[in-house]
């Protein structure tokens, strides 16, 4: 299992619009092969910053499957205009959990 961590810096004042569109975007990403689950967290100190955590079966399910599919275009069309800067995305594998 792979964890995708994406940090979204949303245009200030557009948070409500982003959250409304994300409700539609999450229906799209959940259709992707290898998708397991996700959560979206909103910053406390910086309320226009969000962290999206997505669990994928494999790295390729995200980088090749989803990112190169029509689903990604649909997903990005819904929320891309809210980004103040390009999202920072990294992938992690679990070492320890309690």
PDB file of N, CA and C in Angstrom:
ATOM      1  N   UNK A   1       0.852  -1.181   0.000  1.00  0.00           N
ATOM      2  CA  UNK A   1       0.000   0.000   0.000  1.00  0.00           C
ATOM      3  C   UNK A   1       0.895   1.241   0.000  1.00  0.00           C
ATOM      4  N   UNK A   2       0.488   2.236  -0.755  1.00  0.00           N
ATOM      5  CA  UNK A   2       1.227   3.489  -0.901  1.00  0.00           C
ATOM      6  C   UNK A   2       0.352   4.642  -0.412  1.00  0.00           C
ATOM      7  N   UNK A   3       0.985   5.606   0.246  1.00  0.00           N
ATOM      8  CA  UNK A   3       0.284   6.815   0.671  1.00  0.00           C
ATOM      9  C   UNK A   3       0.743   7.977  -0.197  1.00  0.00           C
ATOM     10  N   UNK A   4      -0.190   8.587  -0.880  1.00  0.00           N
ATOM     11  CA  UNK A   4       0.069   9.825  -1.618  1.00  0.00           C
ATOM     12  C   UNK A   4      -0.256  10.985  -0.687  1.00  0.00           C
ATOM     13  N   UNK A   5       0.661  11.926  -0.570  1.00  0.00           N
ATOM     14  CA  UNK A   5       0.444  13.133   0.219  1.00  0.00           C
ATOM     15  C   UNK A   5       0.509  14.317  -0.739  1.00  0.00           C
ATOM     16  N   UNK A   6      -0.605  15.005  -0.885  1.00  0.00           N
ATOM     17  CA  UNK A   6      -0.679  16.167  -1.773  1.00  0.00           C
ATOM     18  C   UNK A   6      -1.043  17.389  -0.945  1.00  0.00           C
ATOM     19  N   UNK A   7      -0.249  18.440  -1.079  1.00  0.00           N
ATOM     20  CA  UNK A   7      -0.508  19.681  -0.356  1.00  0.00           C
ATOM     21  C   UNK A   7      -1.061  20.696  -1.348  1.00  0.00           C
ATOM     22  N   UNK A   8      -2.251  21.197  -1.026  1.00  0.00           N
ATOM     23  CA  UNK A   8      -2.941  22.161  -1.872  1.00  0.00           C
ATOM     24  C   UNK A   8      -2.928  23.533  -1.199  1.00  0.00           C
ATOM     25  N   UNK A   9      -2.414  24.522  -1.882  1.00  0.00           N
ATOM     26  CA  UNK A   9      -2.477  25.913  -1.447  1.00  0.00           C
ATOM     27  C   UNK A   9      -3.583  26.558  -2.281  1.00  0.00           C
ATOM     28  N   UNK A  10      -4.706  26.826  -1.634  1.00  0.00           N
ATOM     29  CA  UNK A  10      -5.897  27.320  -2.326  1.00  0.00           C
ATOM     30  C   UNK A  10      -5.902  28.854  -2.334  1.00  0.00           C
ATOM     31  N   UNK A  11      -6.382  29.435  -3.404  1.00  0.00           N
ATOM     32  CA  UNK A  11      -6.493  30.892  -3.488  1.00  0.00           C
ATOM     33  C   UNK A  11      -7.309  31.377  -2.283  1.00  0.00           C
ATOM     34  N   UNK A  12      -6.749  32.283  -1.462  1.00  0.00           N
ATOM     35  CA  UNK A  12      -7.494  32.773  -0.298  1.00  0.00           C
ATOM     36  C   UNK A  12      -8.865  33.322  -0.699  1.00  0.00           C
ATOM     37  N   UNK A  13      -9.862  32.958   0.097  1.00  0.00           N
ATOM     38  CA  UNK A  13     -11.236  33.364  -0.177  1.00  0.00           C
ATOM     39  C   UNK A  13     -12.011  32.377  -1.028  1.00  0.00           C
ATOM     40  N   UNK A  14     -11.308  31.372  -1.579  1.00  0.00           N
ATOM     41  CA  UNK A  14     -11.946  30.383  -2.449  1.00  0.00           C
ATOM     42  C   UNK A  14     -12.122  29.015  -1.766  1.00  0.00           C
ATOM     43  N   UNK A  15     -11.920  28.976  -0.450  1.00  0.00           N
ATOM     44  CA  UNK A  15     -11.964  27.702   0.267  1.00  0.00           C
ATOM     45  C   UNK A  15     -13.325  27.006   0.163  1.00  0.00           C
ATOM     46  N   UNK A  16     -14.405  27.742   0.330  1.00  0.00           N
ATOM     47  CA  UNK A  16     -15.744  27.130   0.267  1.00  0.00           C
ATOM     48  C   UNK A  16     -16.012  26.562  -1.120  1.00  0.00           C
ATOM     49  N   UNK A  17     -15.625  27.281  -2.147  1.00  0.00           N
ATOM     50  CA  UNK A  17     -15.799  26.785  -3.513  1.00  0.00           C
ATOM     51  C   UNK A  17     -14.976  25.542  -3.771  1.00  0.00           C
ATOM     52  N   UNK A  18     -13.739  25.546  -3.277  1.00  0.00           N
ATOM     53  CA  UNK A  18     -12.886  24.375  -3.420  1.00  0.00           C
ATOM     54  C   UNK A  18     -13.516  23.165  -2.735  1.00  0.00           C
ATOM     55  N   UNK A  19     -13.968  23.344  -1.510  1.00  0.00           N
ATOM     56  CA  UNK A  19     -14.558  22.220  -0.772  1.00  0.00           C
ATOM     57  C   UNK A  19     -15.806  21.690  -1.473  1.00  0.00           C
ATOM     58  N   UNK A  20     -16.611  22.567  -2.025  1.00  0.00           N
ATOM     59  CA  UNK A  20     -17.810  22.132  -2.754  1.00  0.00           C
ATOM     60  C   UNK A  20     -17.425  21.324  -3.992  1.00  0.00           C
ATOM     61  N   UNK A  21     -16.437  21.794  -4.737  1.00  0.00           N
ATOM     62  CA  UNK A  21     -15.999  21.074  -5.933  1.00  0.00           C
ATOM     63  C   UNK A  21     -15.279  19.781  -5.572  1.00  0.00           C
ATOM     64  N   UNK A  22     -14.575  19.780  -4.448  1.00  0.00           N
ATOM     65  CA  UNK A  22     -13.880  18.564  -4.042  1.00  0.00           C
ATOM     66  C   UNK A  22     -14.878  17.442  -3.761  1.00  0.00           C
ATOM     67  N   UNK A  23     -16.057  17.793  -3.277  1.00  0.00           N
ATOM     68  CA  UNK A  23     -17.090  16.777  -3.035  1.00  0.00           C
ATOM     69  C   UNK A  23     -17.428  16.035  -4.325  1.00  0.00           C
ATOM     70  N   UNK A  24     -17.343  16.712  -5.458  1.00  0.00           N
ATOM     71  CA  UNK A  24     -17.554  16.058  -6.753  1.00  0.00           C
ATOM     72  C   UNK A  24     -16.290  15.332  -7.211  1.00  0.00           C
ATOM     73  N   UNK A  25     -15.142  15.965  -6.986  1.00  0.00           N
ATOM     74  CA  UNK A  25     -13.868  15.382  -7.427  1.00  0.00           C
ATOM     75  C   UNK A  25     -13.575  14.060  -6.726  1.00  0.00           C
ATOM     76  N   UNK A  26     -13.982  13.938  -5.458  1.00  0.00           N
ATOM     77  CA  UNK A  26     -13.690  12.694  -4.747  1.00  0.00           C
ATOM     78  C   UNK A  26     -14.497  11.518  -5.305  1.00  0.00           C
ATOM     79  N   UNK A  27     -15.616  11.797  -5.925  1.00  0.00           N
ATOM     80  CA  UNK A  27     -16.376  10.732  -6.580  1.00  0.00           C
ATOM     81  C   UNK A  27     -15.623  10.207  -7.801  1.00  0.00           C
ATOM     82  N   UNK A  28     -14.853  11.078  -8.438  1.00  0.00           N
ATOM     83  CA  UNK A  28     -14.078  10.681  -9.619  1.00  0.00           C
ATOM     84  C   UNK A  28     -12.862   9.864  -9.220  1.00  0.00           C
ATOM     85  N   UNK A  29     -12.065  10.366  -8.273  1.00  0.00           N
ATOM     86  CA  UNK A  29     -10.843   9.655  -7.893  1.00  0.00           C
ATOM     87  C   UNK A  29     -11.164   8.275  -7.317  1.00  0.00           C
ATOM     88  N   UNK A  30     -12.294   8.160  -6.659  1.00  0.00           N
ATOM     89  CA  UNK A  30     -12.655   6.875  -6.046  1.00  0.00           C
ATOM     90  C   UNK A  30     -12.950   5.785  -7.078  1.00  0.00           C
ATOM     91  N   UNK A  31     -13.095   6.161  -8.346  1.00  0.00           N
ATOM     92  CA  UNK A  31     -13.326   5.185  -9.419  1.00  0.00           C
ATOM     93  C   UNK A  31     -12.029   4.615  -9.988  1.00  0.00           C
ATOM     94  N   UNK A  32     -10.902   5.200  -9.625  1.00  0.00           N
ATOM     95  CA  UNK A  32      -9.618   4.804 -10.216  1.00  0.00           C
ATOM     96  C   UNK A  32      -9.185   3.419  -9.746  1.00  0.00           C
ATOM     97  N   UNK A  33      -8.569   2.676 -10.652  1.00  0.00           N
ATOM     98  CA  UNK A  33      -8.023   1.359 -10.315  1.00  0.00           C
ATOM     99  C   UNK A  33      -6.954   1.536  -9.239  1.00  0.00           C
ATOM    100  N   UNK A  34      -7.015   0.719  -8.218  1.00  0.00           N
ATOM    101  CA  UNK A  34      -6.032   0.752  -7.152  1.00  0.00           C
ATOM    102  C   UNK A  34      -6.321   1.740  -6.042  1.00  0.00           C
ATOM    103  N   UNK A  35      -7.333   2.590  -6.232  1.00  0.00           N
ATOM    104  CA  UNK A  35      -7.724   3.535  -5.180  1.00  0.00           C
ATOM    105  C   UNK A  35      -8.265   2.745  -4.001  1.00  0.00           C
ATOM    106  N   UNK A  36      -7.869   3.123  -2.791  1.00  0.00           N
ATOM    107  CA  UNK A  36      -8.362   2.454  -1.596  1.00  0.00           C
ATOM    108  C   UNK A  36      -9.239   3.380  -0.743  1.00  0.00           C
ATOM    109  N   UNK A  37      -8.689   4.535  -0.397  1.00  0.00           N
ATOM    110  CA  UNK A  37      -9.449   5.507   0.404  1.00  0.00           C
ATOM    111  C   UNK A  37      -8.671   6.821   0.434  1.00  0.00           C
ATOM    112  N   UNK A  38      -9.329   7.861   0.933  1.00  0.00           N
ATOM    113  CA  UNK A  38      -8.660   9.154   1.038  1.00  0.00           C
ATOM    114  C   UNK A  38      -9.247   9.947   2.194  1.00  0.00           C
ATOM    115  N   UNK A  39      -8.531  10.994   2.553  1.00  0.00           N
ATOM    116  CA  UNK A  39      -9.056  11.984   3.484  1.00  0.00           C
ATOM    117  C   UNK A  39      -8.485  13.341   3.109  1.00  0.00           C
ATOM    118  N   UNK A  40      -9.276  14.369   3.319  1.00  0.00           N
ATOM    119  CA  UNK A  40      -8.861  15.742   3.052  1.00  0.00           C
ATOM    120  C   UNK A  40      -8.854  16.481   4.379  1.00  0.00           C
ATOM    121  N   UNK A  41      -7.726  17.105   4.695  1.00  0.00           N
ATOM    122  CA  UNK A  41      -7.574  17.855   5.941  1.00  0.00           C
ATOM    123  C   UNK A  41      -7.355  19.327   5.598  1.00  0.00           C
ATOM    124  N   UNK A  42      -7.943  20.209   6.397  1.00  0.00           N
ATOM    125  CA  UNK A  42      -7.763  21.656   6.197  1.00  0.00           C
ATOM    126  C   UNK A  42      -6.851  22.209   7.285  1.00  0.00           C
ATOM    127  N   UNK A  43      -5.960  23.102   6.896  1.00  0.00           N
ATOM    128  CA  UNK A  43      -5.020  23.689   7.841  1.00  0.00           C
ATOM    129  C   UNK A  43      -5.702  24.528   8.909  1.00  0.00           C
ATOM    130  N   UNK A  44      -5.114  24.529  10.073  1.00  0.00           N
ATOM    131  CA  UNK A  44      -5.608  25.356  11.176  1.00  0.00           C
ATOM    132  C   UNK A  44      -4.880  26.702  11.172  1.00  0.00           C
ATOM    133  N   UNK A  45      -3.555  26.659  11.159  1.00  0.00           N
ATOM    134  CA  UNK A  45      -2.786  27.903  11.142  1.00  0.00           C
ATOM    135  C   UNK A  45      -2.919  28.643   9.808  1.00  0.00           C
ATOM    136  N   UNK A  46      -3.008  27.898   8.737  1.00  0.00           N
ATOM    137  CA  UNK A  46      -3.155  28.473   7.394  1.00  0.00           C
ATOM    138  C   UNK A  46      -4.402  27.853   6.784  1.00  0.00           C
ATOM    139  N   UNK A  47      -5.534  28.546   6.914  1.00  0.00           N
ATOM    140  CA  UNK A  47      -6.813  27.917   6.560  1.00  0.00           C
ATOM    141  C   UNK A  47      -7.057  27.765   5.069  1.00  0.00           C
ATOM    142  N   UNK A  48      -6.161  28.259   4.236  1.00  0.00           N
ATOM    143  CA  UNK A  48      -6.307  28.023   2.798  1.00  0.00           C
ATOM    144  C   UNK A  48      -5.351  26.925   2.316  1.00  0.00           C
ATOM    145  N   UNK A  49      -4.749  26.200   3.270  1.00  0.00           N
ATOM    146  CA  UNK A  49      -3.877  25.075   2.937  1.00  0.00           C
ATOM    147  C   UNK A  49      -4.595  23.772   3.307  1.00  0.00           C
ATOM    148  N   UNK A  50      -4.531  22.812   2.389  1.00  0.00           N
ATOM    149  CA  UNK A  50      -5.175  21.513   2.581  1.00  0.00           C
ATOM    150  C   UNK A  50      -4.159  20.408   2.325  1.00  0.00           C
ATOM    151  N   UNK A  51      -4.371  19.282   2.982  1.00  0.00           N
ATOM    152  CA  UNK A  51      -3.563  18.092   2.735  1.00  0.00           C
ATOM    153  C   UNK A  51      -4.518  16.975   2.324  1.00  0.00           C
ATOM    154  N   UNK A  52      -4.249  16.394   1.163  1.00  0.00           N
ATOM    155  CA  UNK A  52      -5.014  15.246   0.681  1.00  0.00           C
ATOM    156  C   UNK A  52      -4.152  14.006   0.869  1.00  0.00           C
ATOM    157  N   UNK A  53      -4.682  13.032   1.586  1.00  0.00           N
ATOM    158  CA  UNK A  53      -4.005  11.758   1.815  1.00  0.00           C
ATOM    159  C   UNK A  53      -4.785  10.685   1.073  1.00  0.00           C
ATOM    160  N   UNK A  54      -4.133  10.030   0.124  1.00  0.00           N
ATOM    161  CA  UNK A  54      -4.801   8.995  -0.673  1.00  0.00           C
ATOM    162  C   UNK A  54      -4.027   7.697  -0.539  1.00  0.00           C
ATOM    163  N   UNK A  55      -4.727   6.631  -0.233  1.00  0.00           N
ATOM    164  CA  UNK A  55      -4.126   5.295  -0.179  1.00  0.00           C
ATOM    165  C   UNK A  55      -4.359   4.605  -1.518  1.00  0.00           C
ATOM    166  N   UNK A  56      -3.257   4.133  -2.111  1.00  0.00           N
ATOM    167  CA  UNK A  56      -3.283   3.404  -3.375  1.00  0.00           C
ATOM    168  C   UNK A  56      -2.700   2.021  -3.149  1.00  0.00           C
ATOM    169  N   UNK A  57      -3.151   1.057  -3.930  1.00  0.00           N
ATOM    170  CA  UNK A  57      -2.584  -0.285  -3.837  1.00  0.00           C
ATOM    171  C   UNK A  57      -1.118  -0.284  -4.248  1.00  0.00           C
ATOM    172  N   UNK A  58      -0.783   0.427  -5.339  1.00  0.00           N
ATOM    173  CA  UNK A  58       0.604   0.512  -5.805  1.00  0.00           C
ATOM    174  C   UNK A  58       0.905   1.946  -6.237  1.00  0.00           C
ATOM    175  N   UNK A  59       2.176   2.273  -6.313  1.00  0.00           N
ATOM    176  CA  UNK A  59       2.589   3.587  -6.801  1.00  0.00           C
ATOM    177  C   UNK A  59       2.103   3.800  -8.230  1.00  0.00           C
ATOM    178  N   UNK A  60       2.206   2.763  -9.050  1.00  0.00           N
ATOM    179  CA  UNK A  60       1.801   2.851 -10.451  1.00  0.00           C
ATOM    180  C   UNK A  60       0.303   3.096 -10.614  1.00  0.00           C
ATOM    181  N   UNK A  61      -0.499   2.619  -9.657  1.00  0.00           N
ATOM    182  CA  UNK A  61      -1.938   2.898  -9.731  1.00  0.00           C
ATOM    183  C   UNK A  61      -2.192   4.402  -9.721  1.00  0.00           C
ATOM    184  N   UNK A  62      -1.364   5.142  -9.001  1.00  0.00           N
ATOM    185  CA  UNK A  62      -1.515   6.595  -9.000  1.00  0.00           C
ATOM    186  C   UNK A  62      -0.788   7.242 -10.170  1.00  0.00           C
ATOM    187  N   UNK A  63       0.513   6.973 -10.290  1.00  0.00           N
ATOM    188  CA  UNK A  63       1.340   7.709 -11.256  1.00  0.00           C
ATOM    189  C   UNK A  63       1.063   7.348 -12.708  1.00  0.00           C
ATOM    190  N   UNK A  64       0.717   6.114 -12.971  1.00  0.00           N
ATOM    191  CA  UNK A  64       0.446   5.687 -14.344  1.00  0.00           C
ATOM    192  C   UNK A  64      -1.047   5.493 -14.592  1.00  0.00           C
ATOM    193  N   UNK A  65      -1.709   4.802 -13.669  1.00  0.00           N
ATOM    194  CA  UNK A  65      -3.130   4.516 -13.855  1.00  0.00           C
ATOM    195  C   UNK A  65      -3.994   5.762 -13.790  1.00  0.00           C
ATOM    196  N   UNK A  66      -4.038   6.404 -12.636  1.00  0.00           N
ATOM    197  CA  UNK A  66      -4.910   7.565 -12.464  1.00  0.00           C
ATOM    198  C   UNK A  66      -4.392   8.793 -13.202  1.00  0.00           C
ATOM    199  N   UNK A  67      -3.128   9.132 -13.019  1.00  0.00           N
ATOM    200  CA  UNK A  67      -2.591  10.379 -13.591  1.00  0.00           C
ATOM    201  C   UNK A  67      -2.612  10.393 -15.116  1.00  0.00           C
ATOM    202  N   UNK A  68      -2.605   9.232 -15.745  1.00  0.00           N
ATOM    203  CA  UNK A  68      -2.610   9.173 -17.204  1.00  0.00           C
ATOM    204  C   UNK A  68      -3.974   8.785 -17.773  1.00  0.00           C
ATOM    205  N   UNK A  69      -4.993   8.809 -16.918  1.00  0.00           N
ATOM    206  CA  UNK A  69      -6.332   8.409 -17.361  1.00  0.00           C
ATOM    207  C   UNK A  69      -7.220   9.632 -17.581  1.00  0.00           C
ATOM    208  N   UNK A  70      -8.329   9.447 -18.295  1.00  0.00           N
ATOM    209  CA  UNK A  70      -9.311  10.536 -18.443  1.00  0.00           C
ATOM    210  C   UNK A  70      -9.881  10.988 -17.096  1.00  0.00           C
ATOM    211  N   UNK A  71      -9.900  10.092 -16.104  1.00  0.00           N
ATOM    212  CA  UNK A  71     -10.404  10.467 -14.784  1.00  0.00           C
ATOM    213  C   UNK A  71      -9.606  11.621 -14.195  1.00  0.00           C
ATOM    214  N   UNK A  72      -8.282  11.606 -14.396  1.00  0.00           N
ATOM    215  CA  UNK A  72      -7.447  12.677 -13.850  1.00  0.00           C
ATOM    216  C   UNK A  72      -7.818  14.020 -14.472  1.00  0.00           C
ATOM    217  N   UNK A  73      -8.049  14.047 -15.757  1.00  0.00           N
ATOM    218  CA  UNK A  73      -8.461  15.289 -16.413  1.00  0.00           C
ATOM    219  C   UNK A  73      -9.766  15.824 -15.856  1.00  0.00           C
ATOM    220  N   UNK A  74     -10.708  14.931 -15.607  1.00  0.00           N
ATOM    221  CA  UNK A  74     -11.994  15.335 -15.032  1.00  0.00           C
ATOM    222  C   UNK A  74     -11.801  15.871 -13.615  1.00  0.00           C
ATOM    223  N   UNK A  75     -10.986  15.153 -12.847  1.00  0.00           N
ATOM    224  CA  UNK A  75     -10.708  15.526 -11.458  1.00  0.00           C
ATOM    225  C   UNK A  75     -10.052  16.903 -11.404  1.00  0.00           C
ATOM    226  N   UNK A  76      -9.028  17.083 -12.229  1.00  0.00           N
ATOM    227  CA  UNK A  76      -8.278  18.350 -12.232  1.00  0.00           C
ATOM    228  C   UNK A  76      -9.145  19.501 -12.738  1.00  0.00           C
ATOM    229  N   UNK A  77     -10.038  19.240 -13.685  1.00  0.00           N
ATOM    230  CA  UNK A  77     -10.923  20.289 -14.198  1.00  0.00           C
ATOM    231  C   UNK A  77     -11.842  20.831 -13.104  1.00  0.00           C
ATOM    232  N   UNK A  78     -12.216  19.987 -12.172  1.00  0.00           N
ATOM    233  CA  UNK A  78     -13.102  20.409 -11.089  1.00  0.00           C
ATOM    234  C   UNK A  78     -12.405  21.285 -10.058  1.00  0.00           C
ATOM    235  N   UNK A  79     -11.147  20.975  -9.732  1.00  0.00           N
ATOM    236  CA  UNK A  79     -10.503  21.673  -8.614  1.00  0.00           C
ATOM    237  C   UNK A  79      -9.254  22.473  -8.992  1.00  0.00           C
ATOM    238  N   UNK A  80      -8.734  22.278 -10.174  1.00  0.00           N
ATOM    239  CA  UNK A  80      -7.470  22.913 -10.556  1.00  0.00           C
ATOM    240  C   UNK A  80      -7.479  24.428 -10.512  1.00  0.00           C
ATOM    241  N   UNK A  81      -8.594  25.043 -10.810  1.00  0.00           N
ATOM    242  CA  UNK A  81      -8.646  26.512 -10.841  1.00  0.00           C
ATOM    243  C   UNK A  81      -8.550  27.131  -9.448  1.00  0.00           C
ATOM    244  N   UNK A  82      -8.697  26.333  -8.411  1.00  0.00           N
ATOM    245  CA  UNK A  82      -8.617  26.833  -7.039  1.00  0.00           C
ATOM    246  C   UNK A  82      -7.185  26.872  -6.508  1.00  0.00           C
ATOM    247  N   UNK A  83      -6.239  26.235  -7.205  1.00  0.00           N
ATOM    248  CA  UNK A  83      -4.861  26.158  -6.720  1.00  0.00           C
ATOM    249  C   UNK A  83      -4.140  27.491  -6.910  1.00  0.00           C
ATOM    250  N   UNK A  84      -3.595  28.034  -5.819  1.00  0.00           N
ATOM    251  CA  UNK A  84      -2.785  29.250  -5.899  1.00  0.00           C
ATOM    252  C   UNK A  84      -1.405  28.928  -6.456  1.00  0.00           C
ATOM    253  N   UNK A  85      -0.932  27.723  -6.163  1.00  0.00           N
ATOM    254  CA  UNK A  85       0.357  27.227  -6.650  1.00  0.00           C
ATOM    255  C   UNK A  85       0.166  25.765  -7.037  1.00  0.00           C
ATOM    256  N   UNK A  86       1.041  25.225  -7.858  1.00  0.00           N
ATOM    257  CA  UNK A  86       0.916  23.798  -8.189  1.00  0.00           C
ATOM    258  C   UNK A  86       1.021  22.940  -6.922  1.00  0.00           C
ATOM    259  N   UNK A  87       0.204  21.897  -6.808  1.00  0.00           N
ATOM    260  CA  UNK A  87       0.270  21.030  -5.630  1.00  0.00           C
ATOM    261  C   UNK A  87       1.634  20.355  -5.501  1.00  0.00           C
ATOM    262  N   UNK A  88       2.060  20.185  -4.266  1.00  0.00           N
ATOM    263  CA  UNK A  88       3.260  19.401  -3.967  1.00  0.00           C
ATOM    264  C   UNK A  88       2.789  17.984  -3.659  1.00  0.00           C
ATOM    265  N   UNK A  89       3.318  16.992  -4.378  1.00  0.00           N
ATOM    266  CA  UNK A  89       2.866  15.605  -4.222  1.00  0.00           C
ATOM    267  C   UNK A  89       4.071  14.702  -3.997  1.00  0.00           C
ATOM    268  N   UNK A  90       3.976  13.862  -2.968  1.00  0.00           N
ATOM    269  CA  UNK A  90       4.993  12.849  -2.696  1.00  0.00           C
ATOM    270  C   UNK A  90       4.290  11.564  -2.295  1.00  0.00           C
ATOM    271  N   UNK A  91       5.043  10.465  -2.362  1.00  0.00           N
ATOM    272  CA  UNK A  91       4.507   9.150  -2.023  1.00  0.00           C
ATOM    273  C   UNK A  91       5.334   8.528  -0.902  1.00  0.00           C
ATOM    274  N   UNK A  92       4.650   7.773  -0.043  1.00  0.00           N
ATOM    275  CA  UNK A  92       5.292   7.170   1.116  1.00  0.00           C
ATOM    276  C   UNK A  92       4.830   5.731   1.275  1.00  0.00           C
ATOM    277  N   UNK A  93       5.698   4.929   1.894  1.00  0.00           N
ATOM    278  CA  UNK A  93       5.306   3.565   2.252  1.00  0.00           C
ATOM    279  C   UNK A  93       5.376   3.430   3.765  1.00  0.00           C
ATOM    280  N   UNK A  94       4.494   2.649   4.310  1.00  0.00           N
ATOM    281  CA  UNK A  94       4.355   2.485   5.751  1.00  0.00           C
ATOM    282  C   UNK A  94       5.546   1.735   6.332  1.00  0.00           C
ATOM    283  N   UNK A  95       6.096   2.267   7.393  1.00  0.00           N
ATOM    284  CA  UNK A  95       7.173   1.616   8.128  1.00  0.00           C
ATOM    285  C   UNK A  95       6.648   1.101   9.463  1.00  0.00           C
ATOM    286  N   UNK A  96       5.840   1.911  10.146  1.00  0.00           N
ATOM    287  CA  UNK A  96       5.340   1.532  11.462  1.00  0.00           C
ATOM    288  C   UNK A  96       3.970   2.151  11.676  1.00  0.00           C
ATOM    289  N   UNK A  97       3.116   1.421  12.378  1.00  0.00           N
ATOM    290  CA  UNK A  97       1.766   1.911  12.682  1.00  0.00           C
ATOM    291  C   UNK A  97       1.319   1.297  13.994  1.00  0.00           C
ATOM    292  N   UNK A  98       0.610   2.061  14.800  1.00  0.00           N
ATOM    293  CA  UNK A  98       0.076   1.542  16.064  1.00  0.00           C
ATOM    294  C   UNK A  98      -1.414   1.715  16.109  1.00  0.00           C
TER     295      UNK A  98
END
